[in-house]
């Protein structure tokens, strides 16, 4: 904290942040010397009890908008590590927030907060849409896999049906050949039977033809001799 002379009987006090400036202002108010000291803080943050509200309520004379310079610091650090050219002096721009522009800054912060809420809402909607998309993609993948399996099994079933038809045709041909061979065997059997019967008749007739003369020859021989 630093106290600097400003005008006759008027002093300006610079604090490291708005909280310290508010504490200094409370001490000054207790000493009843509020009109002679102007307190300036640093940060000018929005929110309840923060720098913008303190300036708007005239608890602080002003607040300096603090540039973090993080991006510039990282770029400078990388330039040093890579032995590149870098600037030794990096002046960070700042803005003084006082009674003349505090309402404008509050409106801008409210607008930023509103946009941030809109962004969060859009982010939640996007996450919901992504979740719905993931679920739909999962269902689509399941449907595609199911269709592929149906096509594969359908192809296998069709192939099996064709093979079954081929086997049935082959069996029908073999069955026809067997029936044809059976018929041929039956015909051959019938012919053999007819030939056997013809042989039997032939031998029966032959034996009959031989037996009749033999009987006529043998019968007298077997008769007893007639005595004189």
Protein backbone atom coordinates (compact mmCIF):
# COMPACT_ATOMS: atom_id res chain seq x y z
CA UNK A 1 0.00 0.00 0.00
CA UNK A 2 1.35 3.40 -0.93
CA UNK A 3 0.24 6.89 0.04
CA UNK A 4 1.00 9.64 -2.49
CA UNK A 5 0.48 13.36 -2.20
CA UNK A 6 -2.09 14.70 -4.61
CA UNK A 7 -3.20 18.19 -3.85
CA UNK A 8 -3.20 20.41 -0.80
CA UNK A 9 -4.71 18.46 2.09
CA UNK A 10 -5.67 15.66 -0.36
CA UNK A 11 -3.92 12.32 -0.57
CA UNK A 12 -4.28 9.34 -2.89
CA UNK A 13 -3.73 5.86 -1.48
CA UNK A 14 -2.88 2.92 -3.77
CA UNK A 15 -3.60 -0.58 -2.47
CA UNK A 16 -2.40 -3.90 -3.93
CA UNK A 17 -5.98 -5.08 -4.41
CA UNK A 18 -9.54 -3.95 -3.83
CA UNK A 19 -9.91 -5.89 -0.55
CA UNK A 20 -6.94 -4.08 1.00
CA UNK A 21 -8.29 -0.79 -0.37
CA UNK A 22 -11.66 -1.45 1.28
CA UNK A 23 -9.89 -2.16 4.58
CA UNK A 24 -7.93 1.07 4.28
CA UNK A 25 -11.12 2.97 3.47
CA UNK A 26 -12.80 1.56 6.60
CA UNK A 27 -9.87 2.70 8.74
CA UNK A 28 -9.90 6.15 7.13
CA UNK A 29 -13.66 6.47 7.69
CA UNK A 30 -13.16 5.62 11.36
CA UNK A 31 -10.67 8.51 11.54
CA UNK A 32 -13.26 10.86 9.98
CA UNK A 33 -10.84 11.83 7.27
CA UNK A 34 -12.69 10.48 4.28
CA UNK A 35 -12.65 13.65 2.23
CA UNK A 36 -8.91 14.11 2.31
CA UNK A 37 -7.86 10.62 1.11
CA UNK A 38 -8.77 9.01 -2.20
CA UNK A 39 -8.34 5.21 -2.13
CA UNK A 40 -7.53 3.33 -5.36
CA UNK A 41 -7.56 -0.46 -5.55
CA UNK A 42 -6.50 -3.02 -8.15
CA UNK A 43 -8.49 -5.80 -9.87
CA UNK A 44 -11.91 -4.20 -10.56
CA UNK A 45 -13.57 -7.59 -10.34
CA UNK A 46 -17.34 -8.01 -10.65
CA UNK A 47 -19.52 -9.56 -8.00
CA UNK A 48 -20.81 -8.84 -4.51
CA UNK A 49 -18.25 -6.99 -2.41
CA UNK A 50 -15.75 -6.85 -5.31
CA UNK A 51 -14.03 -3.85 -6.86
CA UNK A 52 -16.77 -2.74 -9.27
CA UNK A 53 -19.41 -2.73 -6.56
CA UNK A 54 -17.11 -0.86 -4.16
CA UNK A 55 -16.46 1.84 -6.77
CA UNK A 56 -20.17 2.05 -7.61
CA UNK A 57 -20.99 2.54 -3.91
CA UNK A 58 -18.18 5.10 -3.59
CA UNK A 59 -16.35 2.99 -1.05
CA UNK A 60 -13.35 3.29 -3.36
CA UNK A 61 -12.42 6.25 -5.48
CA UNK A 62 -11.25 4.03 -8.33
CA UNK A 63 -9.87 0.61 -9.20
CA UNK A 64 -7.31 -0.40 -11.77
CA UNK A 65 -8.25 -3.19 -14.17
CA UNK A 66 -5.46 -5.70 -13.67
CA UNK A 67 -4.07 -7.37 -16.81
CA UNK A 68 -2.80 -10.81 -15.92
CA UNK A 69 -0.32 -11.00 -18.79
CA UNK A 70 -0.19 -14.79 -18.49
CA UNK A 71 -0.14 -15.33 -22.24
CA UNK A 72 2.64 -12.79 -22.73
CA UNK A 73 4.65 -14.31 -19.87
CA UNK A 74 4.42 -17.79 -21.40
CA UNK A 75 5.39 -16.50 -24.85
CA UNK A 76 8.40 -14.69 -23.36
CA UNK A 77 9.43 -17.80 -21.40
CA UNK A 78 9.32 -19.95 -24.54
CA UNK A 79 11.31 -17.32 -26.46
CA UNK A 80 13.98 -17.36 -23.75
CA UNK A 81 14.14 -21.18 -23.74
CA UNK A 82 14.38 -21.30 -27.54
CA UNK A 83 16.96 -18.50 -27.60
CA UNK A 84 14.65 -16.38 -29.74
CA UNK A 85 14.36 -12.62 -29.72
CA UNK A 86 12.06 -11.22 -27.04
CA UNK A 87 11.23 -7.83 -25.68
CA UNK A 88 12.61 -6.99 -22.26
CA UNK A 89 9.85 -4.48 -21.58
CA UNK A 90 6.26 -5.63 -21.95
CA UNK A 91 3.81 -2.92 -21.00
CA UNK A 92 0.41 -4.34 -20.07
CA UNK A 93 -2.54 -2.07 -20.92
CA UNK A 94 -4.84 -1.16 -18.07
CA UNK A 95 -8.01 0.86 -17.46
CA UNK A 96 -8.99 3.07 -14.55
CA UNK A 97 -12.47 2.28 -13.26
CA UNK A 98 -14.06 5.21 -11.44
CA UNK A 99 -17.48 6.80 -11.05
CA UNK A 100 -17.51 7.89 -14.70
CA UNK A 101 -17.35 4.41 -16.24
CA UNK A 102 -18.18 1.98 -13.45
CA UNK A 103 -21.81 1.55 -14.55
CA UNK A 104 -20.65 0.84 -18.09
CA UNK A 105 -18.19 -1.77 -16.80
CA UNK A 106 -20.91 -3.35 -14.66
CA UNK A 107 -23.18 -3.55 -17.70
CA UNK A 108 -20.39 -5.13 -19.71
CA UNK A 109 -19.70 -7.66 -16.96
CA UNK A 110 -23.42 -8.46 -16.69
CA UNK A 111 -23.50 -8.91 -20.44
CA UNK A 112 -20.44 -11.15 -20.26
CA UNK A 113 -22.04 -13.19 -17.45
CA UNK A 114 -25.22 -13.49 -19.49
CA UNK A 115 -23.23 -14.67 -22.48
CA UNK A 116 -21.30 -17.07 -20.26
CA UNK A 117 -24.58 -18.52 -18.98
CA UNK A 118 -25.78 -18.80 -22.57
CA UNK A 119 -22.54 -20.56 -23.47
CA UNK A 120 -22.97 -22.96 -20.54
CA UNK A 121 -26.56 -23.61 -21.62
CA UNK A 122 -25.43 -24.24 -25.20
CA UNK A 123 -22.66 -26.46 -23.87
CA UNK A 124 -25.17 -28.51 -21.86
CA UNK A 125 -27.42 -28.76 -24.91
CA UNK A 126 -24.44 -29.80 -27.01
CA UNK A 127 -23.46 -32.44 -24.46
CA UNK A 128 -27.05 -33.73 -24.46
CA UNK A 129 -27.05 -33.81 -28.25
CA UNK A 130 -23.71 -35.61 -28.24
CA UNK A 131 -25.09 -38.15 -25.76
CA UNK A 132 -28.16 -38.64 -27.95
CA UNK A 133 -25.88 -38.95 -30.99
CA UNK A 134 -23.73 -41.53 -29.22
CA UNK A 135 -26.83 -43.52 -28.26
CA UNK A 136 -28.20 -43.31 -31.79
CA UNK A 137 -24.83 -44.31 -33.21
CA UNK A 138 -24.74 -47.29 -30.83
CA UNK A 139 -28.24 -48.32 -31.90
CA UNK A 140 -27.27 -47.82 -35.56
CA UNK A 141 -24.16 -49.94 -35.11
CA UNK A 142 -26.24 -52.67 -33.49
CA UNK A 143 -28.76 -52.50 -36.35
CA UNK A 144 -25.97 -52.62 -38.96
CA UNK A 145 -24.29 -55.56 -37.22
CA UNK A 146 -27.65 -57.32 -36.97
CA UNK A 147 -28.34 -56.74 -40.67
CA UNK A 148 -24.87 -58.01 -41.57
CA UNK A 149 -25.44 -61.13 -39.48
CA UNK A 150 -28.87 -61.61 -41.07
CA UNK A 151 -27.32 -61.29 -44.55
CA UNK A 152 -24.50 -63.69 -43.65
CA UNK A 153 -26.79 -66.28 -42.09
CA UNK A 154 -29.27 -65.79 -44.95
CA UNK A 155 -26.46 -66.43 -47.44
CA UNK A 156 -25.38 -69.52 -45.50
CA UNK A 157 -28.97 -70.77 -45.38
CA UNK A 158 -29.39 -70.16 -49.13
CA UNK A 159 -26.12 -71.94 -49.82
CA UNK A 160 -27.21 -74.82 -47.61
CA UNK A 161 -30.55 -74.93 -49.45
CA UNK A 162 -28.77 -75.12 -52.81
CA UNK A 163 -26.48 -77.85 -51.52
CA UNK A 164 -29.50 -79.69 -50.13
CA UNK A 165 -31.21 -79.46 -53.50
CA UNK A 166 -28.07 -80.79 -55.20
CA UNK A 167 -27.91 -83.65 -52.71
CA UNK A 168 -31.61 -84.39 -53.24
CA UNK A 169 -31.13 -84.41 -57.01
CA UNK A 170 -28.13 -86.71 -56.63
CA UNK A 171 -30.13 -89.00 -54.36
CA UNK A 172 -33.02 -88.99 -56.81
CA UNK A 173 -30.65 -89.98 -59.63
CA UNK A 174 -29.11 -92.73 -57.52
CA UNK A 175 -32.57 -93.86 -56.48
CA UNK A 176 -33.63 -93.96 -60.12
CA UNK A 177 -30.53 -95.98 -60.96
CA UNK A 178 -31.24 -98.36 -58.09
CA UNK A 179 -34.85 -98.76 -59.19
CA UNK A 180 -33.69 -99.33 -62.76
CA UNK A 181 -31.15 -101.91 -61.58
CA UNK A 182 -33.84 -103.54 -59.42
CA UNK A 183 -36.16 -103.75 -62.38
CA UNK A 184 -33.36 -105.27 -64.45
CA UNK A 185 -32.66 -107.78 -61.68
CA UNK A 186 -36.33 -108.65 -61.48
CA UNK A 187 -36.45 -109.12 -65.23
CA UNK A 188 -33.32 -111.26 -65.11
CA UNK A 189 -34.79 -113.19 -62.21
CA UNK A 190 -38.01 -113.76 -64.12
CA UNK A 191 -36.04 -114.87 -67.17
CA UNK A 192 -33.91 -117.16 -65.02
CA UNK A 193 -37.03 -118.59 -63.45
CA UNK A 194 -38.58 -119.12 -66.87
CA UNK A 195 -35.37 -120.76 -68.07
CA UNK A 196 -35.35 -122.98 -64.98
CA UNK A 197 -38.96 -123.98 -65.57
CA UNK A 198 -38.18 -124.65 -69.23
CA UNK A 199 -35.23 -126.82 -68.21
CA UNK A 200 -37.38 -128.68 -65.72
CA UNK A 201 -40.05 -129.27 -68.35
CA UNK A 202 -37.41 -130.34 -70.83
CA UNK A 203 -35.79 -132.75 -68.42
CA UNK A 204 -39.22 -133.95 -67.27
CA UNK A 205 -40.25 -134.61 -70.84
CA UNK A 206 -36.94 -136.27 -71.63
CA UNK A 207 -37.11 -138.42 -68.52
CA UNK A 208 -40.69 -139.37 -69.43
CA UNK A 209 -39.65 -140.27 -72.93
CA UNK A 210 -36.81 -142.39 -71.62
CA UNK A 211 -38.82 -143.91 -68.83
CA UNK A 212 -41.63 -145.23 -71.04
CA UNK A 213 -39.42 -147.44 -73.26
CA UNK A 214 -37.31 -148.45 -70.31
CA UNK A 215 -40.43 -149.47 -68.45
CA UNK A 216 -41.55 -151.53 -71.39
CA UNK A 217 -38.12 -153.20 -71.55
CA UNK A 218 -37.71 -153.79 -67.82
CA UNK A 219 -41.24 -154.95 -67.09
CA UNK A 220 -40.95 -158.30 -68.90
CA UNK A 221 -37.63 -158.93 -67.29
CA UNK A 222 -39.03 -158.42 -63.87
CA UNK A 223 -42.04 -160.75 -64.45
CA UNK A 224 -41.60 -164.39 -63.16
CA UNK A 225 -40.78 -167.02 -65.68
CA UNK A 226 -43.76 -169.13 -66.93
CA UNK A 227 -43.22 -172.80 -66.34
CA UNK A 228 -43.91 -175.20 -69.08
